[in-house]
């Protein structure tokens, strides 16, 4: 097949270059049919897109890397750092919530990142989070080398209304409370009560929340409600605006150089360890959710 390419030189003279394409164009059209096997995974419009990541086999990972039980502040801080990196890369994430080895990223209802393709959103979030987790590992685990690469699986879920989204985040925070309360009692029985893990598991079988609080308080003088909110409530990351004052030097005409203060408003990520099941958090941050 003969290929003609039109070019313009600096002098403005037009000329033609002739070259044989060796059938490249034909080959492209011949094999391009394979694209028809791709499925359409565009997320429905006007819905919040939630990408939730979970650590794969993190029970084993935490044991082999010497995580402090029941909560390791280094690991939780690293999770928040990695989540912040995702939000910086994808600023249409309006809120992210994390606890233990999971993080949920909520994209605005109006987002058009990656043309709202679920596979693109999930893989980008998962890869950015995982690579950040590995990249910043040494800053948080200064005396513990990373023994093998961690991995996170992801899923995409759509929520059509503010009520649905808030219920989803409430569910995750309730899960944080349930898991943390159990783990707090379990490891207290092991570390301070001298029980084996099997004995502690047997002791807690069939207990409800009030029973667990009673064990902590009556046997170990621990008030569960006084435990750090980071552990009990998880971490909520949102975008906030902040005024930043910087100093720069200016030199007006016919005047000596002087310093002036410049105030700029910029977006930044802030972290909150608080209740997000009730209304107060959402009333204090009305810009997170878009109108129904």
C-alpha atoms as a PDB file:
ATOM      1  CA  UNK A   1       0.000   0.000   0.000  1.00  0.00           C
ATOM      2  CA  UNK A   2       1.332   3.462  -0.869  1.00  0.00           C
ATOM      3  CA  UNK A   3       1.346   6.043   1.947  1.00  0.00           C
ATOM      4  CA  UNK A   4       1.457   9.780   1.204  1.00  0.00           C
ATOM      5  CA  UNK A   5       2.522  12.169   3.936  1.00  0.00           C
ATOM      6  CA  UNK A   6       2.162  15.910   3.498  1.00  0.00           C
ATOM      7  CA  UNK A   7       4.820  18.132   5.171  1.00  0.00           C
ATOM      8  CA  UNK A   8       5.686  21.839   5.216  1.00  0.00           C
ATOM      9  CA  UNK A   9       9.288  23.046   5.420  1.00  0.00           C
ATOM     10  CA  UNK A  10      10.488  26.334   6.955  1.00  0.00           C
ATOM     11  CA  UNK A  11      10.387  28.097   3.594  1.00  0.00           C
ATOM     12  CA  UNK A  12       6.731  27.232   3.271  1.00  0.00           C
ATOM     13  CA  UNK A  13       7.217  24.940   0.279  1.00  0.00           C
ATOM     14  CA  UNK A  14       4.953  21.894   0.388  1.00  0.00           C
ATOM     15  CA  UNK A  15       6.278  18.539  -0.692  1.00  0.00           C
ATOM     16  CA  UNK A  16       5.241  14.916  -0.536  1.00  0.00           C
ATOM     17  CA  UNK A  17       7.095  12.009   0.975  1.00  0.00           C
ATOM     18  CA  UNK A  18       6.297   8.602  -0.397  1.00  0.00           C
ATOM     19  CA  UNK A  19       6.768   5.429   1.626  1.00  0.00           C
ATOM     20  CA  UNK A  20       5.434   1.934   1.621  1.00  0.00           C
ATOM     21  CA  UNK A  21       3.507   1.095   4.802  1.00  0.00           C
ATOM     22  CA  UNK A  22       4.203  -2.661   4.470  1.00  0.00           C
ATOM     23  CA  UNK A  23       0.618  -3.495   5.281  1.00  0.00           C
ATOM     24  CA  UNK A  24       0.615  -1.887   8.764  1.00  0.00           C
ATOM     25  CA  UNK A  25      -2.748  -0.195   8.222  1.00  0.00           C
ATOM     26  CA  UNK A  26      -4.258  -3.462   6.982  1.00  0.00           C
ATOM     27  CA  UNK A  27      -2.904  -5.352  10.008  1.00  0.00           C
ATOM     28  CA  UNK A  28      -4.397  -2.780  12.385  1.00  0.00           C
ATOM     29  CA  UNK A  29      -7.855  -3.149  10.932  1.00  0.00           C
ATOM     30  CA  UNK A  30      -7.511  -6.920  10.701  1.00  0.00           C
ATOM     31  CA  UNK A  31      -6.857  -7.471  14.419  1.00  0.00           C
ATOM     32  CA  UNK A  32      -8.733  -4.553  15.881  1.00  0.00           C
ATOM     33  CA  UNK A  33     -11.891  -6.684  16.170  1.00  0.00           C
ATOM     34  CA  UNK A  34     -10.589  -8.070  19.495  1.00  0.00           C
ATOM     35  CA  UNK A  35     -11.709  -4.846  21.147  1.00  0.00           C
ATOM     36  CA  UNK A  36     -15.284  -6.060  20.767  1.00  0.00           C
ATOM     37  CA  UNK A  37     -14.590  -8.586  23.555  1.00  0.00           C
ATOM     38  CA  UNK A  38     -14.186  -5.775  26.112  1.00  0.00           C
ATOM     39  CA  UNK A  39     -17.216  -5.244  28.329  1.00  0.00           C
ATOM     40  CA  UNK A  40     -18.659  -1.835  29.119  1.00  0.00           C
ATOM     41  CA  UNK A  41     -17.981  -1.112  32.791  1.00  0.00           C
ATOM     42  CA  UNK A  42     -18.967   2.556  32.818  1.00  0.00           C
ATOM     43  CA  UNK A  43     -20.429   3.481  36.199  1.00  0.00           C
ATOM     44  CA  UNK A  44     -23.983   4.806  36.261  1.00  0.00           C
ATOM     45  CA  UNK A  45     -24.259   8.602  36.214  1.00  0.00           C
ATOM     46  CA  UNK A  46     -25.272  10.651  39.277  1.00  0.00           C
ATOM     47  CA  UNK A  47     -24.045   8.001  41.693  1.00  0.00           C
ATOM     48  CA  UNK A  48     -21.227   8.134  44.203  1.00  0.00           C
ATOM     49  CA  UNK A  49     -18.507   5.694  43.203  1.00  0.00           C
ATOM     50  CA  UNK A  50     -16.910   3.927  46.166  1.00  0.00           C
ATOM     51  CA  UNK A  51     -13.672   2.004  45.727  1.00  0.00           C
ATOM     52  CA  UNK A  52     -12.910  -0.106  48.793  1.00  0.00           C
ATOM     53  CA  UNK A  53      -9.506  -1.693  49.312  1.00  0.00           C
ATOM     54  CA  UNK A  54      -8.762  -4.536  51.708  1.00  0.00           C
ATOM     55  CA  UNK A  55      -5.376  -5.932  52.650  1.00  0.00           C
ATOM     56  CA  UNK A  56      -4.940  -9.439  51.317  1.00  0.00           C
ATOM     57  CA  UNK A  57      -3.973 -11.950  54.018  1.00  0.00           C
ATOM     58  CA  UNK A  58      -2.949  -9.117  56.355  1.00  0.00           C
ATOM     59  CA  UNK A  59      -3.296 -11.323  59.440  1.00  0.00           C
ATOM     60  CA  UNK A  60      -0.200 -13.203  58.303  1.00  0.00           C
ATOM     61  CA  UNK A  61       1.456 -10.005  57.041  1.00  0.00           C
ATOM     62  CA  UNK A  62       1.033  -8.250  60.414  1.00  0.00           C
ATOM     63  CA  UNK A  63       2.435 -11.226  62.319  1.00  0.00           C
ATOM     64  CA  UNK A  64       5.513 -11.582  60.135  1.00  0.00           C
ATOM     65  CA  UNK A  65       6.239  -7.849  60.348  1.00  0.00           C
ATOM     66  CA  UNK A  66       5.817  -7.601  64.109  1.00  0.00           C
ATOM     67  CA  UNK A  67       2.725  -5.412  64.289  1.00  0.00           C
ATOM     68  CA  UNK A  68       1.779  -4.342  67.821  1.00  0.00           C
ATOM     69  CA  UNK A  69      -1.517  -5.898  68.972  1.00  0.00           C
ATOM     70  CA  UNK A  70      -4.325  -4.921  69.052  1.00  0.00           C
ATOM     71  CA  UNK A  71      -3.445  -1.694  67.197  1.00  0.00           C
ATOM     72  CA  UNK A  72      -0.183  -0.634  65.597  1.00  0.00           C
ATOM     73  CA  UNK A  73      -0.016   3.155  65.261  1.00  0.00           C
ATOM     74  CA  UNK A  74       2.765   2.880  62.675  1.00  0.00           C
ATOM     75  CA  UNK A  75       0.651   0.708  60.392  1.00  0.00           C
ATOM     76  CA  UNK A  76      -2.413   2.935  60.784  1.00  0.00           C
ATOM     77  CA  UNK A  77      -0.348   6.040  60.036  1.00  0.00           C
ATOM     78  CA  UNK A  78       1.117   4.369  56.943  1.00  0.00           C
ATOM     79  CA  UNK A  79      -2.399   3.473  55.763  1.00  0.00           C
ATOM     80  CA  UNK A  80      -3.459   7.119  56.161  1.00  0.00           C
ATOM     81  CA  UNK A  81      -0.355   8.316  54.311  1.00  0.00           C
ATOM     82  CA  UNK A  82      -1.078   5.962  51.430  1.00  0.00           C
ATOM     83  CA  UNK A  83      -4.732   7.052  51.327  1.00  0.00           C
ATOM     84  CA  UNK A  84      -3.623  10.680  51.220  1.00  0.00           C
ATOM     85  CA  UNK A  85      -1.449   9.897  48.189  1.00  0.00           C
ATOM     86  CA  UNK A  86      -4.495   8.476  46.409  1.00  0.00           C
ATOM     87  CA  UNK A  87      -6.514  11.605  47.150  1.00  0.00           C
ATOM     88  CA  UNK A  88      -3.713  13.868  45.928  1.00  0.00           C
ATOM     89  CA  UNK A  89      -3.601  11.965  42.644  1.00  0.00           C
ATOM     90  CA  UNK A  90      -7.392  11.790  42.284  1.00  0.00           C
ATOM     91  CA  UNK A  91      -8.807  14.968  43.764  1.00  0.00           C
ATOM     92  CA  UNK A  92     -12.373  13.959  42.878  1.00  0.00           C
ATOM     93  CA  UNK A  93     -12.234  11.688  45.932  1.00  0.00           C
ATOM     94  CA  UNK A  94     -14.346  13.790  48.298  1.00  0.00           C
ATOM     95  CA  UNK A  95     -13.937  11.599  51.387  1.00  0.00           C
ATOM     96  CA  UNK A  96     -11.975   8.497  52.355  1.00  0.00           C
ATOM     97  CA  UNK A  97     -12.583   6.319  55.395  1.00  0.00           C
ATOM     98  CA  UNK A  98     -10.175   3.751  56.775  1.00  0.00           C
ATOM     99  CA  UNK A  99      -9.849   1.295  59.628  1.00  0.00           C
ATOM    100  CA  UNK A 100      -7.556  -1.663  60.232  1.00  0.00           C
ATOM    101  CA  UNK A 101      -6.316  -2.883  56.815  1.00  0.00           C
ATOM    102  CA  UNK A 102      -9.059  -1.331  54.683  1.00  0.00           C
ATOM    103  CA  UNK A 103      -9.800   2.045  53.104  1.00  0.00           C
ATOM    104  CA  UNK A 104     -12.853   3.282  51.198  1.00  0.00           C
ATOM    105  CA  UNK A 105     -12.516   6.076  48.635  1.00  0.00           C
ATOM    106  CA  UNK A 106     -15.649   8.010  47.665  1.00  0.00           C
ATOM    107  CA  UNK A 107     -15.656   9.726  44.271  1.00  0.00           C
ATOM    108  CA  UNK A 108     -18.002  12.646  43.684  1.00  0.00           C
ATOM    109  CA  UNK A 109     -21.272  11.884  41.946  1.00  0.00           C
ATOM    110  CA  UNK A 110     -20.209  14.268  39.167  1.00  0.00           C
ATOM    111  CA  UNK A 111     -16.725  12.793  38.635  1.00  0.00           C
ATOM    112  CA  UNK A 112     -15.651  11.937  35.111  1.00  0.00           C
ATOM    113  CA  UNK A 113     -12.233  10.509  35.980  1.00  0.00           C
ATOM    114  CA  UNK A 114     -11.319   7.735  33.497  1.00  0.00           C
ATOM    115  CA  UNK A 115     -14.749   8.274  31.911  1.00  0.00           C
ATOM    116  CA  UNK A 116     -16.211   6.614  35.053  1.00  0.00           C
ATOM    117  CA  UNK A 117     -14.870   3.197  34.053  1.00  0.00           C
ATOM    118  CA  UNK A 118     -14.953   0.958  37.131  1.00  0.00           C
ATOM    119  CA  UNK A 119     -11.889  -1.087  36.167  1.00  0.00           C
ATOM    120  CA  UNK A 120      -9.787   2.018  35.566  1.00  0.00           C
ATOM    121  CA  UNK A 121     -10.825   3.643  38.847  1.00  0.00           C
ATOM    122  CA  UNK A 122     -10.288   0.500  40.914  1.00  0.00           C
ATOM    123  CA  UNK A 123      -6.908  -0.407  39.423  1.00  0.00           C
ATOM    124  CA  UNK A 124      -5.576   3.132  39.715  1.00  0.00           C
ATOM    125  CA  UNK A 125      -6.651   3.423  43.355  1.00  0.00           C
ATOM    126  CA  UNK A 126      -5.254  -0.017  44.217  1.00  0.00           C
ATOM    127  CA  UNK A 127      -1.920   0.507  42.463  1.00  0.00           C
ATOM    128  CA  UNK A 128      -1.404   4.025  43.854  1.00  0.00           C
ATOM    129  CA  UNK A 129      -2.260   2.882  47.380  1.00  0.00           C
ATOM    130  CA  UNK A 130      -0.075  -0.245  47.227  1.00  0.00           C
ATOM    131  CA  UNK A 131       2.938   1.521  45.758  1.00  0.00           C
ATOM    132  CA  UNK A 132       2.649   4.330  48.338  1.00  0.00           C
ATOM    133  CA  UNK A 133       2.418   1.763  51.148  1.00  0.00           C
ATOM    134  CA  UNK A 134       5.680   0.184  49.989  1.00  0.00           C
ATOM    135  CA  UNK A 135       7.375   3.514  49.164  1.00  0.00           C
ATOM    136  CA  UNK A 136       6.759   5.049  52.620  1.00  0.00           C
ATOM    137  CA  UNK A 137       7.198   1.843  54.618  1.00  0.00           C
ATOM    138  CA  UNK A 138      10.673   2.783  55.858  1.00  0.00           C
ATOM    139  CA  UNK A 139       9.478   6.105  57.297  1.00  0.00           C
ATOM    140  CA  UNK A 140       7.116   4.333  59.702  1.00  0.00           C
ATOM    141  CA  UNK A 141       8.807   0.961  60.268  1.00  0.00           C
ATOM    142  CA  UNK A 142      12.345   2.212  60.746  1.00  0.00           C
ATOM    143  CA  UNK A 143      13.672  -0.996  62.299  1.00  0.00           C
ATOM    144  CA  UNK A 144      11.521  -3.498  60.443  1.00  0.00           C
ATOM    145  CA  UNK A 145      12.431  -4.223  56.814  1.00  0.00           C
ATOM    146  CA  UNK A 146       9.657  -5.088  54.400  1.00  0.00           C
ATOM    147  CA  UNK A 147       9.935  -8.851  53.963  1.00  0.00           C
ATOM    148  CA  UNK A 148       7.669  -9.211  50.939  1.00  0.00           C
ATOM    149  CA  UNK A 149       5.303  -7.006  48.899  1.00  0.00           C
ATOM    150  CA  UNK A 150       1.855  -6.455  50.431  1.00  0.00           C
ATOM    151  CA  UNK A 151      -1.215  -6.548  48.211  1.00  0.00           C
ATOM    152  CA  UNK A 152      -4.699  -5.066  48.343  1.00  0.00           C
ATOM    153  CA  UNK A 153      -7.835  -6.230  46.568  1.00  0.00           C
ATOM    154  CA  UNK A 154     -10.527  -3.801  45.536  1.00  0.00           C
ATOM    155  CA  UNK A 155     -14.183  -3.532  44.626  1.00  0.00           C
ATOM    156  CA  UNK A 156     -16.416  -0.829  43.184  1.00  0.00           C
ATOM    157  CA  UNK A 157     -19.896  -0.085  44.536  1.00  0.00           C
ATOM    158  CA  UNK A 158     -22.318   2.662  43.468  1.00  0.00           C
ATOM    159  CA  UNK A 159     -24.553   4.606  45.862  1.00  0.00           C
ATOM    160  CA  UNK A 160     -27.284   6.785  44.317  1.00  0.00           C
ATOM    161  CA  UNK A 161     -28.151   9.024  47.281  1.00  0.00           C
ATOM    162  CA  UNK A 162     -26.519  10.832  50.183  1.00  0.00           C
ATOM    163  CA  UNK A 163     -28.465   8.617  52.599  1.00  0.00           C
ATOM    164  CA  UNK A 164     -27.135   5.469  50.945  1.00  0.00           C
ATOM    165  CA  UNK A 165     -23.566   6.754  51.057  1.00  0.00           C
ATOM    166  CA  UNK A 166     -23.799   7.829  54.691  1.00  0.00           C
ATOM    167  CA  UNK A 167     -25.272   4.449  55.598  1.00  0.00           C
ATOM    168  CA  UNK A 168     -22.347   2.754  53.858  1.00  0.00           C
ATOM    169  CA  UNK A 169     -19.785   4.822  55.790  1.00  0.00           C
ATOM    170  CA  UNK A 170     -21.758   4.260  59.009  1.00  0.00           C
ATOM    171  CA  UNK A 171     -21.602   0.512  58.345  1.00  0.00           C
ATOM    172  CA  UNK A 172     -17.824   0.655  57.988  1.00  0.00           C
ATOM    173  CA  UNK A 173     -17.441   2.691  61.189  1.00  0.00           C
ATOM    174  CA  UNK A 174     -19.738   0.321  63.098  1.00  0.00           C
ATOM    175  CA  UNK A 175     -17.571  -2.524  61.831  1.00  0.00           C
ATOM    176  CA  UNK A 176     -14.503  -0.650  63.121  1.00  0.00           C
ATOM    177  CA  UNK A 177     -16.048  -0.424  66.607  1.00  0.00           C
ATOM    178  CA  UNK A 178     -17.104  -4.081  66.709  1.00  0.00           C
ATOM    179  CA  UNK A 179     -13.732  -5.396  65.538  1.00  0.00           C
ATOM    180  CA  UNK A 180     -11.686  -3.065  67.713  1.00  0.00           C
ATOM    181  CA  UNK A 181     -13.680  -3.815  70.849  1.00  0.00           C
ATOM    182  CA  UNK A 182     -13.237  -7.559  70.322  1.00  0.00           C
ATOM    183  CA  UNK A 183      -9.524  -7.237  69.552  1.00  0.00           C
ATOM    184  CA  UNK A 184      -8.958  -4.953  72.554  1.00  0.00           C
ATOM    185  CA  UNK A 185     -10.519  -7.460  74.963  1.00  0.00           C
ATOM    186  CA  UNK A 186      -8.936 -10.456  73.235  1.00  0.00           C
ATOM    187  CA  UNK A 187      -5.371  -9.135  73.371  1.00  0.00           C
ATOM    188  CA  UNK A 188      -5.831  -7.770  76.897  1.00  0.00           C
ATOM    189  CA  UNK A 189      -6.782 -11.263  78.044  1.00  0.00           C
ATOM    190  CA  UNK A 190      -3.688 -12.646  76.307  1.00  0.00           C
ATOM    191  CA  UNK A 191      -1.141  -9.947  77.170  1.00  0.00           C
ATOM    192  CA  UNK A 192      -2.329  -9.010  80.672  1.00  0.00           C
ATOM    193  CA  UNK A 193      -4.543 -11.910  81.663  1.00  0.00           C
ATOM    194  CA  UNK A 194      -2.086 -14.649  80.779  1.00  0.00           C
ATOM    195  CA  UNK A 195      -4.522 -16.609  78.590  1.00  0.00           C
ATOM    196  CA  UNK A 196      -3.531 -18.380  75.420  1.00  0.00           C
ATOM    197  CA  UNK A 197      -5.163 -17.215  72.191  1.00  0.00           C
ATOM    198  CA  UNK A 198      -7.374 -20.311  72.225  1.00  0.00           C
ATOM    199  CA  UNK A 199      -8.443 -19.673  75.831  1.00  0.00           C
ATOM    200  CA  UNK A 200      -9.175 -16.007  75.085  1.00  0.00           C
ATOM    201  CA  UNK A 201     -11.285 -16.988  72.100  1.00  0.00           C
ATOM    202  CA  UNK A 202     -13.264 -19.425  74.264  1.00  0.00           C
ATOM    203  CA  UNK A 203     -13.727 -16.794  76.992  1.00  0.00           C
ATOM    204  CA  UNK A 204     -15.258 -14.327  74.517  1.00  0.00           C
ATOM    205  CA  UNK A 205     -17.490 -16.793  72.725  1.00  0.00           C
ATOM    206  CA  UNK A 206     -21.122 -15.677  72.986  1.00  0.00           C
ATOM    207  CA  UNK A 207     -20.353 -12.342  74.699  1.00  0.00           C
ATOM    208  CA  UNK A 208     -22.033  -9.076  73.710  1.00  0.00           C
ATOM    209  CA  UNK A 209     -20.632  -5.532  73.794  1.00  0.00           C
ATOM    210  CA  UNK A 210     -21.634  -4.963  77.440  1.00  0.00           C
ATOM    211  CA  UNK A 211     -19.896  -8.189  78.485  1.00  0.00           C
ATOM    212  CA  UNK A 212     -16.662  -7.156  76.798  1.00  0.00           C
ATOM    213  CA  UNK A 213     -16.746  -3.715  78.432  1.00  0.00           C
ATOM    214  CA  UNK A 214     -17.323  -5.367  81.801  1.00  0.00           C
ATOM    215  CA  UNK A 215     -14.330  -7.702  81.387  1.00  0.00           C
ATOM    216  CA  UNK A 216     -12.066  -4.771  80.520  1.00  0.00           C
ATOM    217  CA  UNK A 217     -13.265  -2.600  83.391  1.00  0.00           C
ATOM    218  CA  UNK A 218     -13.735  -5.104  86.222  1.00  0.00           C
ATOM    219  CA  UNK A 219     -10.656  -7.241  85.528  1.00  0.00           C
ATOM    220  CA  UNK A 220      -8.172  -4.776  84.048  1.00  0.00           C
ATOM    221  CA  UNK A 221      -9.515  -1.342  85.054  1.00  0.00           C
ATOM    222  CA  UNK A 222      -9.768  -0.298  81.397  1.00  0.00           C
ATOM    223  CA  UNK A 223     -12.590   1.976  80.263  1.00  0.00           C
ATOM    224  CA  UNK A 224     -13.118   1.093  76.607  1.00  0.00           C
ATOM    225  CA  UNK A 225     -14.798   4.436  75.904  1.00  0.00           C
ATOM    226  CA  UNK A 226     -11.587   6.168  76.984  1.00  0.00           C
ATOM    227  CA  UNK A 227      -9.515   4.320  74.367  1.00  0.00           C
ATOM    228  CA  UNK A 228      -8.133   6.563  71.553  1.00  0.00           C
ATOM    229  CA  UNK A 229     -10.757   7.566  69.003  1.00  0.00           C
ATOM    230  CA  UNK A 230      -8.316   6.580  66.253  1.00  0.00           C
ATOM    231  CA  UNK A 231      -8.886   2.964  67.257  1.00  0.00           C
ATOM    232  CA  UNK A 232     -12.596   3.181  68.005  1.00  0.00           C
ATOM    233  CA  UNK A 233     -13.704   5.496  65.172  1.00  0.00           C
ATOM    234  CA  UNK A 234     -11.157   4.930  62.412  1.00  0.00           C
ATOM    235  CA  UNK A 235      -9.819   7.700  60.158  1.00  0.00           C
ATOM    236  CA  UNK A 236     -11.831  10.011  57.914  1.00  0.00           C
ATOM    237  CA  UNK A 237      -9.904  12.028  55.315  1.00  0.00           C
ATOM    238  CA  UNK A 238     -11.506  15.020  53.611  1.00  0.00           C
ATOM    239  CA  UNK A 239     -10.484  18.055  51.584  1.00  0.00           C
ATOM    240  CA  UNK A 240     -10.401  21.325  53.495  1.00  0.00           C
ATOM    241  CA  UNK A 241      -9.389  24.881  52.660  1.00  0.00           C
ATOM    242  CA  UNK A 242      -6.666  26.654  54.556  1.00  0.00           C
ATOM    243  CA  UNK A 243      -5.083  30.065  54.342  1.00  0.00           C
ATOM    244  CA  UNK A 244      -1.341  29.946  53.918  1.00  0.00           C
ATOM    245  CA  UNK A 245       0.802  33.005  54.594  1.00  0.00           C
ATOM    246  CA  UNK A 246       4.144  33.184  52.808  1.00  0.00           C
ATOM    247  CA  UNK A 247       6.796  35.881  52.633  1.00  0.00           C
ATOM    248  CA  UNK A 248       8.365  36.991  49.396  1.00  0.00           C
ATOM    249  CA  UNK A 249      10.742  39.751  48.390  1.00  0.00           C
ATOM    250  CA  UNK A 250       9.635  42.470  45.958  1.00  0.00           C
ATOM    251  CA  UNK A 251      11.502  45.417  44.466  1.00  0.00           C
ATOM    252  CA  UNK A 252       9.225  48.225  43.225  1.00  0.00           C
ATOM    253  CA  UNK A 253      10.636  50.628  40.665  1.00  0.00           C
ATOM    254  CA  UNK A 254      13.069  53.147  42.177  1.00  0.00           C
ATOM    255  CA  UNK A 255      12.642  51.627  45.620  1.00  0.00           C
ATOM    256  CA  UNK A 256      14.676  49.306  47.771  1.00  0.00           C
ATOM    257  CA  UNK A 257      13.810  45.642  48.066  1.00  0.00           C
ATOM    258  CA  UNK A 258      11.331  44.743  50.786  1.00  0.00           C
ATOM    259  CA  UNK A 259       9.437  41.754  52.106  1.00  0.00           C
ATOM    260  CA  UNK A 260       5.670  41.400  51.784  1.00  0.00           C
ATOM    261  CA  UNK A 261       3.258  38.829  53.197  1.00  0.00           C
ATOM    262  CA  UNK A 262       1.131  36.969  50.685  1.00  0.00           C
ATOM    263  CA  UNK A 263      -1.973  35.040  51.772  1.00  0.00           C
ATOM    264  CA  UNK A 264      -3.161  32.189  49.601  1.00  0.00           C
ATOM    265  CA  UNK A 265      -6.086  29.839  50.016  1.00  0.00           C
ATOM    266  CA  UNK A 266      -5.384  26.258  49.065  1.00  0.00           C
ATOM    267  CA  UNK A 267      -6.955  22.839  49.450  1.00  0.00           C
ATOM    268  CA  UNK A 268      -5.393  20.347  51.795  1.00  0.00           C
ATOM    269  CA  UNK A 269      -6.253  16.946  53.185  1.00  0.00           C
ATOM    270  CA  UNK A 270      -7.284  16.839  56.830  1.00  0.00           C
ATOM    271  CA  UNK A 271      -7.743  13.750  59.002  1.00  0.00           C
ATOM    272  CA  UNK A 272     -10.540  13.304  61.526  1.00  0.00           C
ATOM    273  CA  UNK A 273     -10.991  10.575  64.149  1.00  0.00           C
ATOM    274  CA  UNK A 274     -14.607  11.174  65.049  1.00  0.00           C
ATOM    275  CA  UNK A 275     -18.146   9.893  64.783  1.00  0.00           C
ATOM    276  CA  UNK A 276     -19.494   9.952  61.225  1.00  0.00           C
ATOM    277  CA  UNK A 277     -22.676   7.998  61.959  1.00  0.00           C
ATOM    278  CA  UNK A 278     -24.443  10.969  63.510  1.00  0.00           C
ATOM    279  CA  UNK A 279     -25.220  14.286  61.796  1.00  0.00           C
ATOM    280  CA  UNK A 280     -22.703  16.610  63.453  1.00  0.00           C
ATOM    281  CA  UNK A 281     -19.726  15.752  61.222  1.00  0.00           C
ATOM    282  CA  UNK A 282     -21.767  16.236  58.049  1.00  0.00           C
ATOM    283  CA  UNK A 283     -23.268  19.506  59.283  1.00  0.00           C
ATOM    284  CA  UNK A 284     -19.778  20.819  60.038  1.00  0.00           C
ATOM    285  CA  UNK A 285     -18.576  19.826  56.562  1.00  0.00           C
ATOM    286  CA  UNK A 286     -21.537  20.471  54.240  1.00  0.00           C
ATOM    287  CA  UNK A 287     -19.376  20.649  51.096  1.00  0.00           C
ATOM    288  CA  UNK A 288     -18.443  16.950  51.133  1.00  0.00           C
ATOM    289  CA  UNK A 289     -21.741  15.667  49.763  1.00  0.00           C
ATOM    290  CA  UNK A 290     -23.412  16.866  46.591  1.00  0.00           C
ATOM    291  CA  UNK A 291     -27.073  17.751  46.544  1.00  0.00           C
ATOM    292  CA  UNK A 292     -29.560  14.960  45.854  1.00  0.00           C
END
